Amino acid sequence: MTLRWIIAGFAALLLSGCASLAPPPPRPAAGLGAGAKVGLLVAVEPSATHTHVGTTVFNNFARDVAMPFDLAAHIRDSLTTQLSATGAQVVTIDASAIAPDKAGMLVVARDGAWAVNPEQAAAFKTLRETQGLSALVVVYGTRTLVSRECSNMGCTDRNIDKSGLFTRSFLGLTRYFAVPALEVEVVRLDSLADLTRHEPLVSLLDAKVKPMPGMSSPKEFGAITPEEFKPIADAIRAFVDELAKTTARAMAGR
């Protein structure tokens, strides 16, 4: 379950007292037509991070690491390649049309169907009518939940602020995670739908935090080298490529 669904579930419980989260309205029966314009907006930081949580807070740190490839460019290139292969026309847009973190609010569920969010009506009109977009794909960097640790004292969330390596040490044991700290919004504007609330994107986004059980410990834990960071970068790149393929499938109605 994604963090967005968890938040939505709690909100529903508070407002209605209902114990279950209603499923999203149906997605469009047909995929995008040939030549349909898909807007693409990518907003991610160029650097990565090694974020560590130790046995005590005195061991914790978050240090920037050079990403060995241009993450934003790779996201754009991979999505453009996969979407273009479906016959879509990919066009780059920027935050003057829609702020990245507002893209998922363009359409909302109402009475069992998708509807334009009145609070985002102006942005929707710009994207759909002025720019002629049939769909929108937005990828942006965001603080991401890596794990939740619970005990009889309560639960603690472990987060990472941007893409990179998250390590968790406790009593001499260390776990490694490759984390693409990315939020993804895939929205149909012609036949309204938030495709990130449907398969196949739901399962992919739920599993974006990748445990790295076979990763070797850095020689100097607080100063990971580019070569030592490479498995993390490769895992993030692989996630982006899978995201691009899955987004193309969703747009094609598969």
C-alpha atoms as a PDB file:
ATOM      1  CA  MET A   1       0.000   0.000   0.000  1.00  0.00           C
ATOM      2  CA  THR A   2       1.406   3.375  -0.976  1.00  0.00           C
ATOM      3  CA  LEU A   3       1.738   6.227   1.497  1.00  0.00           C
ATOM      4  CA  ARG A   4      -0.915   8.144  -0.463  1.00  0.00           C
ATOM      5  CA  TRP A   5      -3.386   5.293   0.069  1.00  0.00           C
ATOM      6  CA  ILE A   6      -2.538   5.118   3.792  1.00  0.00           C
ATOM      7  CA  ILE A   7      -3.204   8.845   4.190  1.00  0.00           C
ATOM      8  CA  ALA A   8      -6.402   8.594   2.175  1.00  0.00           C
ATOM      9  CA  GLY A   9      -7.530   5.654   4.291  1.00  0.00           C
ATOM     10  CA  PHE A  10      -7.024   7.510   7.561  1.00  0.00           C
ATOM     11  CA  ALA A  11      -8.851  10.535   6.167  1.00  0.00           C
ATOM     12  CA  ALA A  12     -11.793   8.366   5.165  1.00  0.00           C
ATOM     13  CA  LEU A  13     -11.927   6.791   8.607  1.00  0.00           C
ATOM     14  CA  LEU A  14     -11.888  10.160  10.319  1.00  0.00           C
ATOM     15  CA  LEU A  15     -14.581  11.617   8.103  1.00  0.00           C
ATOM     16  CA  SER A  16     -16.968   8.715   7.789  1.00  0.00           C
ATOM     17  CA  GLY A  17     -16.058   6.132  10.388  1.00  0.00           C
ATOM     18  CA  CYS A  18     -15.939   3.575   7.600  1.00  0.00           C
ATOM     19  CA  ALA A  19     -13.464   0.748   8.175  1.00  0.00           C
ATOM     20  CA  SER A  20     -12.658   0.126   4.495  1.00  0.00           C
ATOM     21  CA  LEU A  21     -11.141   2.234   1.739  1.00  0.00           C
ATOM     22  CA  ALA A  22     -13.317   2.468  -1.351  1.00  0.00           C
ATOM     23  CA  PRO A  23     -11.631   1.279  -4.557  1.00  0.00           C
ATOM     24  CA  PRO A  24     -10.876   3.908  -7.211  1.00  0.00           C
ATOM     25  CA  PRO A  25     -13.328   4.453 -10.058  1.00  0.00           C
ATOM     26  CA  PRO A  26     -12.694   2.351 -13.176  1.00  0.00           C
ATOM     27  CA  ARG A  27      -9.869   3.313 -15.476  1.00  0.00           C
ATOM     28  CA  PRO A  28     -10.610   4.130 -19.138  1.00  0.00           C
ATOM     29  CA  ALA A  29     -11.535   1.123 -21.232  1.00  0.00           C
ATOM     30  CA  ALA A  30      -9.405   2.276 -24.160  1.00  0.00           C
ATOM     31  CA  GLY A  31      -5.781   3.334 -24.315  1.00  0.00           C
ATOM     32  CA  LEU A  32      -4.487   6.539 -25.838  1.00  0.00           C
ATOM     33  CA  GLY A  33      -5.040   6.966 -29.548  1.00  0.00           C
ATOM     34  CA  ALA A  34      -2.123   7.197 -31.969  1.00  0.00           C
ATOM     35  CA  GLY A  35      -0.552  10.636 -31.919  1.00  0.00           C
ATOM     36  CA  ALA A  36      -2.087  11.608 -28.570  1.00  0.00           C
ATOM     37  CA  LYS A  37      -0.034  14.249 -26.756  1.00  0.00           C
ATOM     38  CA  VAL A  38       1.411  13.231 -23.396  1.00  0.00           C
ATOM     39  CA  GLY A  39       2.889  15.955 -21.211  1.00  0.00           C
ATOM     40  CA  LEU A  40       6.041  15.051 -19.301  1.00  0.00           C
ATOM     41  CA  LEU A  41       7.332  16.942 -16.278  1.00  0.00           C
ATOM     42  CA  VAL A  42      10.426  15.767 -14.361  1.00  0.00           C
ATOM     43  CA  ALA A  43      11.714  17.568 -11.265  1.00  0.00           C
ATOM     44  CA  VAL A  44      14.433  15.725  -9.346  1.00  0.00           C
ATOM     45  CA  GLU A  45      17.665  16.733  -7.633  1.00  0.00           C
ATOM     46  CA  PRO A  46      20.908  15.922  -9.460  1.00  0.00           C
ATOM     47  CA  SER A  47      22.691  14.565  -6.385  1.00  0.00           C
ATOM     48  CA  ALA A  48      21.927  11.453  -4.355  1.00  0.00           C
ATOM     49  CA  THR A  49      22.247  10.689  -0.653  1.00  0.00           C
ATOM     50  CA  HIS A  50      23.591   8.115   1.740  1.00  0.00           C
ATOM     51  CA  THR A  51      21.259   8.293   4.722  1.00  0.00           C
ATOM     52  CA  HIS A  52      22.145   6.169   7.733  1.00  0.00           C
ATOM     53  CA  VAL A  53      20.265   5.322  10.906  1.00  0.00           C
ATOM     54  CA  GLY A  54      22.334   3.616  13.578  1.00  0.00           C
ATOM     55  CA  THR A  55      21.736   2.003  16.945  1.00  0.00           C
ATOM     56  CA  THR A  56      21.676   5.468  18.539  1.00  0.00           C
ATOM     57  CA  VAL A  57      20.985   8.924  17.133  1.00  0.00           C
ATOM     58  CA  PHE A  58      24.690   9.746  17.522  1.00  0.00           C
ATOM     59  CA  ASN A  59      25.414   7.351  14.639  1.00  0.00           C
ATOM     60  CA  ASN A  60      22.904   8.906  12.247  1.00  0.00           C
ATOM     61  CA  PHE A  61      23.897  10.969   9.211  1.00  0.00           C
ATOM     62  CA  ALA A  62      22.727  12.061   5.770  1.00  0.00           C
ATOM     63  CA  ARG A  63      25.481  12.896   3.260  1.00  0.00           C
ATOM     64  CA  ASP A  64      25.281  13.883  -0.381  1.00  0.00           C
ATOM     65  CA  VAL A  65      26.703  11.474  -2.933  1.00  0.00           C
ATOM     66  CA  ALA A  66      27.366  12.172  -6.599  1.00  0.00           C
ATOM     67  CA  MET A  67      24.851  10.293  -8.743  1.00  0.00           C
ATOM     68  CA  PRO A  68      26.955   8.651 -11.494  1.00  0.00           C
ATOM     69  CA  PHE A  69      24.346   9.459 -14.150  1.00  0.00           C
ATOM     70  CA  ASP A  70      21.913  12.280 -14.830  1.00  0.00           C
ATOM     71  CA  LEU A  71      18.790  10.984 -13.086  1.00  0.00           C
ATOM     72  CA  ALA A  72      16.407  13.607 -14.498  1.00  0.00           C
ATOM     73  CA  ALA A  73      17.670  13.099 -18.049  1.00  0.00           C
ATOM     74  CA  HIS A  74      17.404   9.319 -17.730  1.00  0.00           C
ATOM     75  CA  ILE A  75      13.821   9.580 -16.477  1.00  0.00           C
ATOM     76  CA  ARG A  76      12.888  11.833 -19.387  1.00  0.00           C
ATOM     77  CA  ASP A  77      14.676   9.708 -21.987  1.00  0.00           C
ATOM     78  CA  SER A  78      13.319   6.387 -20.744  1.00  0.00           C
ATOM     79  CA  LEU A  79       9.722   7.610 -20.503  1.00  0.00           C
ATOM     80  CA  THR A  80       9.922   9.345 -23.873  1.00  0.00           C
ATOM     81  CA  THR A  81      11.249   6.197 -25.555  1.00  0.00           C
ATOM     82  CA  GLN A  82       8.605   3.899 -24.084  1.00  0.00           C
ATOM     83  CA  LEU A  83       5.663   6.270 -24.564  1.00  0.00           C
ATOM     84  CA  SER A  84       6.697   7.119 -28.118  1.00  0.00           C
ATOM     85  CA  ALA A  85       6.758   3.404 -28.928  1.00  0.00           C
ATOM     86  CA  THR A  86       3.010   3.299 -28.195  1.00  0.00           C
ATOM     87  CA  GLY A  87       2.381   6.027 -30.781  1.00  0.00           C
ATOM     88  CA  ALA A  88       2.117   8.884 -28.273  1.00  0.00           C
ATOM     89  CA  GLN A  89       3.624  12.305 -28.918  1.00  0.00           C
ATOM     90  CA  VAL A  90       5.623  13.267 -25.815  1.00  0.00           C
ATOM     91  CA  VAL A  91       5.969  16.968 -25.057  1.00  0.00           C
ATOM     92  CA  THR A  92       7.911  18.557 -22.215  1.00  0.00           C
ATOM     93  CA  ILE A  93       6.013  20.848 -19.877  1.00  0.00           C
ATOM     94  CA  ASP A  94       7.145  22.811 -16.845  1.00  0.00           C
ATOM     95  CA  ALA A  95       5.828  23.899 -13.478  1.00  0.00           C
ATOM     96  CA  SER A  96       4.281  27.044 -14.933  1.00  0.00           C
ATOM     97  CA  ALA A  97       1.394  24.825 -16.052  1.00  0.00           C
ATOM     98  CA  ILE A  98       1.115  22.638 -12.949  1.00  0.00           C
ATOM     99  CA  ALA A  99       3.268  22.329  -9.846  1.00  0.00           C
ATOM    100  CA  PRO A 100       4.687  18.778  -9.705  1.00  0.00           C
ATOM    101  CA  ASP A 101       3.110  17.979  -6.335  1.00  0.00           C
ATOM    102  CA  LYS A 102      -0.312  19.157  -7.565  1.00  0.00           C
ATOM    103  CA  ALA A 103      -0.521  16.877 -10.609  1.00  0.00           C
ATOM    104  CA  GLY A 104      -2.204  14.075  -8.671  1.00  0.00           C
ATOM    105  CA  MET A 105      -4.964  16.494  -7.652  1.00  0.00           C
ATOM    106  CA  LEU A 106      -6.116  17.266 -11.197  1.00  0.00           C
ATOM    107  CA  VAL A 107      -8.769  14.552 -11.116  1.00  0.00           C
ATOM    108  CA  VAL A 108     -10.616  13.193  -8.089  1.00  0.00           C
ATOM    109  CA  ALA A 109     -13.006  10.362  -7.347  1.00  0.00           C
ATOM    110  CA  ARG A 110     -16.598  11.548  -6.992  1.00  0.00           C
ATOM    111  CA  ASP A 111     -19.762   9.401  -6.858  1.00  0.00           C
ATOM    112  CA  GLY A 112     -17.965   6.389  -8.284  1.00  0.00           C
ATOM    113  CA  ALA A 113     -16.452   8.250 -11.238  1.00  0.00           C
ATOM    114  CA  TRP A 114     -13.455  10.445 -12.016  1.00  0.00           C
ATOM    115  CA  ALA A 115     -14.060  14.201 -12.173  1.00  0.00           C
ATOM    116  CA  VAL A 116     -11.971  17.344 -12.647  1.00  0.00           C
ATOM    117  CA  ASN A 117     -10.967  18.749  -9.273  1.00  0.00           C
ATOM    118  CA  PRO A 118     -12.615  22.209  -9.053  1.00  0.00           C
ATOM    119  CA  GLU A 119      -9.574  23.518  -7.171  1.00  0.00           C
ATOM    120  CA  GLN A 120      -7.364  22.587 -10.135  1.00  0.00           C
ATOM    121  CA  ALA A 121      -9.817  23.541 -12.897  1.00  0.00           C
ATOM    122  CA  ALA A 122      -7.619  26.334 -14.273  1.00  0.00           C
ATOM    123  CA  ALA A 123      -4.554  24.073 -14.493  1.00  0.00           C
ATOM    124  CA  PHE A 124      -6.637  21.312 -16.069  1.00  0.00           C
ATOM    125  CA  LYS A 125      -7.987  23.721 -18.702  1.00  0.00           C
ATOM    126  CA  THR A 126      -4.467  24.918 -19.535  1.00  0.00           C
ATOM    127  CA  LEU A 127      -3.146  21.390 -19.940  1.00  0.00           C
ATOM    128  CA  ARG A 128      -6.141  19.883 -21.717  1.00  0.00           C
ATOM    129  CA  GLU A 129      -7.505  22.707 -23.827  1.00  0.00           C
ATOM    130  CA  THR A 130      -4.649  25.163 -24.324  1.00  0.00           C
ATOM    131  CA  GLN A 131      -1.813  22.623 -24.633  1.00  0.00           C
ATOM    132  CA  GLY A 132      -3.989  19.847 -26.051  1.00  0.00           C
ATOM    133  CA  LEU A 133      -2.696  17.102 -23.755  1.00  0.00           C
ATOM    134  CA  SER A 134      -4.477  13.763 -23.546  1.00  0.00           C
ATOM    135  CA  ALA A 135      -2.414  12.621 -20.571  1.00  0.00           C
ATOM    136  CA  LEU A 136       0.185  13.817 -18.111  1.00  0.00           C
ATOM    137  CA  VAL A 137       3.180  12.079 -16.526  1.00  0.00           C
ATOM    138  CA  VAL A 138       4.943  13.784 -13.628  1.00  0.00           C
ATOM    139  CA  VAL A 139       7.963  12.453 -11.727  1.00  0.00           C
ATOM    140  CA  TYR A 140       9.418  14.461  -8.874  1.00  0.00           C
ATOM    141  CA  GLY A 141      11.720  13.903  -5.940  1.00  0.00           C
ATOM    142  CA  THR A 142      10.138  13.670  -2.511  1.00  0.00           C
ATOM    143  CA  ARG A 143      10.802  12.492   1.028  1.00  0.00           C
ATOM    144  CA  THR A 144      10.126   8.749   0.969  1.00  0.00           C
ATOM    145  CA  LEU A 145       9.230   6.205   3.629  1.00  0.00           C
ATOM    146  CA  VAL A 146      11.777   3.375   3.680  1.00  0.00           C
ATOM    147  CA  SER A 147      10.490   1.361   6.627  1.00  0.00           C
ATOM    148  CA  ARG A 148       8.361   1.529   9.753  1.00  0.00           C
ATOM    149  CA  GLU A 149       9.796   0.066  12.950  1.00  0.00           C
ATOM    150  CA  CYS A 150       7.306  -0.812  15.678  1.00  0.00           C
ATOM    151  CA  SER A 151       7.678  -1.954  19.282  1.00  0.00           C
ATOM    152  CA  ASN A 152       5.660  -1.748  22.472  1.00  0.00           C
ATOM    153  CA  MET A 153       6.792   1.884  22.657  1.00  0.00           C
ATOM    154  CA  GLY A 154       5.104   2.741  19.354  1.00  0.00           C
ATOM    155  CA  CYS A 155       6.226   3.063  15.748  1.00  0.00           C
ATOM    156  CA  THR A 156       9.014   5.062  14.121  1.00  0.00           C
ATOM    157  CA  ASP A 157       9.144   5.907  10.421  1.00  0.00           C
ATOM    158  CA  ARG A 158      12.500   5.787   8.652  1.00  0.00           C
ATOM    159  CA  ASN A 159      12.666   8.191   5.726  1.00  0.00           C
ATOM    160  CA  ILE A 160      15.077   9.318   3.055  1.00  0.00           C
ATOM    161  CA  ASP A 161      14.947  12.855   1.641  1.00  0.00           C
ATOM    162  CA  LYS A 162      16.123  12.072  -1.892  1.00  0.00           C
ATOM    163  CA  SER A 163      17.130   9.127  -4.029  1.00  0.00           C
ATOM    164  CA  GLY A 164      20.092   7.066  -2.968  1.00  0.00           C
ATOM    165  CA  LEU A 165      21.287   4.598  -0.344  1.00  0.00           C
ATOM    166  CA  PHE A 166      19.561   4.080   2.986  1.00  0.00           C
ATOM    167  CA  THR A 167      21.361   2.004   5.602  1.00  0.00           C
ATOM    168  CA  ARG A 168      20.053   0.823   8.946  1.00  0.00           C
ATOM    169  CA  SER A 169      22.422  -0.579  11.567  1.00  0.00           C
ATOM    170  CA  PHE A 170      21.455  -2.172  14.845  1.00  0.00           C
ATOM    171  CA  LEU A 171      23.789  -4.037  17.193  1.00  0.00           C
ATOM    172  CA  GLY A 172      26.388  -4.643  14.509  1.00  0.00           C
ATOM    173  CA  LEU A 173      24.014  -5.725  11.735  1.00  0.00           C
ATOM    174  CA  THR A 174      23.491  -3.428   8.751  1.00  0.00           C
ATOM    175  CA  ARG A 175      20.770  -3.529   6.107  1.00  0.00           C
ATOM    176  CA  TYR A 176      21.082  -1.748   2.745  1.00  0.00           C
ATOM    177  CA  PHE A 177      18.295  -0.269   0.599  1.00  0.00           C
ATOM    178  CA  ALA A 178      18.347   1.355  -2.826  1.00  0.00           C
ATOM    179  CA  VAL A 179      15.655   4.023  -2.804  1.00  0.00           C
ATOM    180  CA  PRO A 180      14.335   5.918  -5.827  1.00  0.00           C
ATOM    181  CA  ALA A 181      12.778   8.698  -3.736  1.00  0.00           C
ATOM    182  CA  LEU A 182      10.331   9.615  -6.473  1.00  0.00           C
ATOM    183  CA  GLU A 183       6.652  10.427  -6.540  1.00  0.00           C
ATOM    184  CA  VAL A 184       4.927   9.505  -9.789  1.00  0.00           C
ATOM    185  CA  GLU A 185       1.639  10.819 -11.180  1.00  0.00           C
ATOM    186  CA  VAL A 186       0.114   9.376 -14.352  1.00  0.00           C
ATOM    187  CA  VAL A 187      -3.145  11.116 -15.209  1.00  0.00           C
ATOM    188  CA  ARG A 188      -5.469  10.714 -18.188  1.00  0.00           C
ATOM    189  CA  LEU A 189      -6.977  14.059 -19.165  1.00  0.00           C
ATOM    190  CA  ASP A 190      -9.081  12.900 -22.115  1.00  0.00           C
ATOM    191  CA  SER A 191     -10.872  10.002 -20.402  1.00  0.00           C
ATOM    192  CA  LEU A 192     -10.409  11.115 -16.823  1.00  0.00           C
ATOM    193  CA  ALA A 193      -8.447   8.816 -14.514  1.00  0.00           C
ATOM    194  CA  ASP A 194      -5.551   8.757 -12.070  1.00  0.00           C
ATOM    195  CA  LEU A 195      -3.719   5.706 -13.437  1.00  0.00           C
ATOM    196  CA  THR A 196      -1.348   5.586 -10.463  1.00  0.00           C
ATOM    197  CA  ARG A 197      -4.296   4.238  -8.470  1.00  0.00           C
ATOM    198  CA  HIS A 198      -4.681   1.285 -10.839  1.00  0.00           C
ATOM    199  CA  GLU A 199      -2.583  -1.702 -11.806  1.00  0.00           C
ATOM    200  CA  PRO A 200       0.009  -2.132 -13.193  1.00  0.00           C
ATOM    201  CA  LEU A 201       1.436   1.033 -11.592  1.00  0.00           C
ATOM    202  CA  VAL A 202       0.200   0.358  -8.047  1.00  0.00           C
ATOM    203  CA  SER A 203       2.327  -2.752  -7.509  1.00  0.00           C
ATOM    204  CA  LEU A 204       5.429  -1.202  -9.058  1.00  0.00           C
ATOM    205  CA  LEU A 205       5.257   1.942  -6.921  1.00  0.00           C
ATOM    206  CA  ASP A 206       4.541  -0.056  -3.766  1.00  0.00           C
ATOM    207  CA  ALA A 207       7.819  -1.950  -4.274  1.00  0.00           C
ATOM    208  CA  LYS A 208      10.130   0.923  -5.203  1.00  0.00           C
ATOM    209  CA  VAL A 209      12.298   0.534  -2.057  1.00  0.00           C
ATOM    210  CA  LYS A 210      14.759  -2.234  -2.968  1.00  0.00           C
ATOM    211  CA  PRO A 211      16.550  -4.262  -0.242  1.00  0.00           C
ATOM    212  CA  MET A 212      20.159  -4.952  -1.239  1.00  0.00           C
ATOM    213  CA  PRO A 213      21.067  -8.038   0.829  1.00  0.00           C
ATOM    214  CA  GLY A 214      24.235  -8.863  -1.111  1.00  0.00           C
ATOM    215  CA  MET A 215      25.798  -5.411  -1.025  1.00  0.00           C
ATOM    216  CA  SER A 216      29.313  -5.210   0.385  1.00  0.00           C
ATOM    217  CA  SER A 217      30.066  -2.796   3.216  1.00  0.00           C
ATOM    218  CA  PRO A 218      31.911   0.376   2.163  1.00  0.00           C
ATOM    219  CA  LYS A 219      35.528   0.526   3.285  1.00  0.00           C
ATOM    220  CA  GLU A 220      34.780   3.860   4.944  1.00  0.00           C
ATOM    221  CA  PHE A 221      31.134   3.760   5.916  1.00  0.00           C
ATOM    222  CA  GLY A 222      30.624   7.518   6.075  1.00  0.00           C
ATOM    223  CA  ALA A 223      32.340   8.207   2.746  1.00  0.00           C
ATOM    224  CA  ILE A 224      31.055   5.742   0.179  1.00  0.00           C
ATOM    225  CA  THR A 225      33.035   5.770  -3.084  1.00  0.00           C
ATOM    226  CA  PRO A 226      31.494   6.004  -6.582  1.00  0.00           C
ATOM    227  CA  GLU A 227      32.383   2.361  -7.227  1.00  0.00           C
ATOM    228  CA  GLU A 228      30.760   1.251  -3.969  1.00  0.00           C
ATOM    229  CA  PHE A 229      27.672   3.333  -4.775  1.00  0.00           C
ATOM    230  CA  LYS A 230      27.323   1.810  -8.253  1.00  0.00           C
ATOM    231  CA  PRO A 231      24.934  -1.053  -7.252  1.00  0.00           C
ATOM    232  CA  ILE A 232      22.591   1.530  -5.746  1.00  0.00           C
ATOM    233  CA  ALA A 233      22.707   3.702  -8.869  1.00  0.00           C
ATOM    234  CA  ASP A 234      22.104   0.640 -11.056  1.00  0.00           C
ATOM    235  CA  ALA A 235      19.063  -0.347  -8.979  1.00  0.00           C
ATOM    236  CA  ILE A 236      17.602   3.170  -9.234  1.00  0.00           C
ATOM    237  CA  ARG A 237      18.224   3.225 -12.995  1.00  0.00           C
ATOM    238  CA  ALA A 238      16.525  -0.180 -13.339  1.00  0.00           C
ATOM    239  CA  PHE A 239      13.502   1.101 -11.413  1.00  0.00           C
ATOM    240  CA  VAL A 240      13.218   4.096 -13.749  1.00  0.00           C
ATOM    241  CA  ASP A 241      13.338   1.838 -16.805  1.00  0.00           C
ATOM    242  CA  GLU A 242      10.656  -0.431 -15.351  1.00  0.00           C
ATOM    243  CA  LEU A 243       8.586   2.622 -14.469  1.00  0.00           C
ATOM    244  CA  ALA A 244       8.778   3.800 -18.078  1.00  0.00           C
ATOM    245  CA  LYS A 245       7.658   0.409 -19.433  1.00  0.00           C
ATOM    246  CA  THR A 246       4.836   0.141 -16.891  1.00  0.00           C
ATOM    247  CA  THR A 247       3.632   3.685 -17.580  1.00  0.00           C
ATOM    248  CA  ALA A 248       3.496   2.921 -21.297  1.00  0.00           C
ATOM    249  CA  ARG A 249       1.454  -0.212 -20.548  1.00  0.00           C
ATOM    250  CA  ALA A 250      -0.961   1.775 -18.396  1.00  0.00           C
ATOM    251  CA  MET A 251      -1.375   4.433 -21.102  1.00  0.00           C
ATOM    252  CA  ALA A 252      -2.053   1.694 -23.656  1.00  0.00           C
ATOM    253  CA  GLY A 253      -4.816   0.288 -21.434  1.00  0.00           C
ATOM    254  CA  ARG A 254      -2.985  -2.944 -20.630  1.00  0.00           C
END
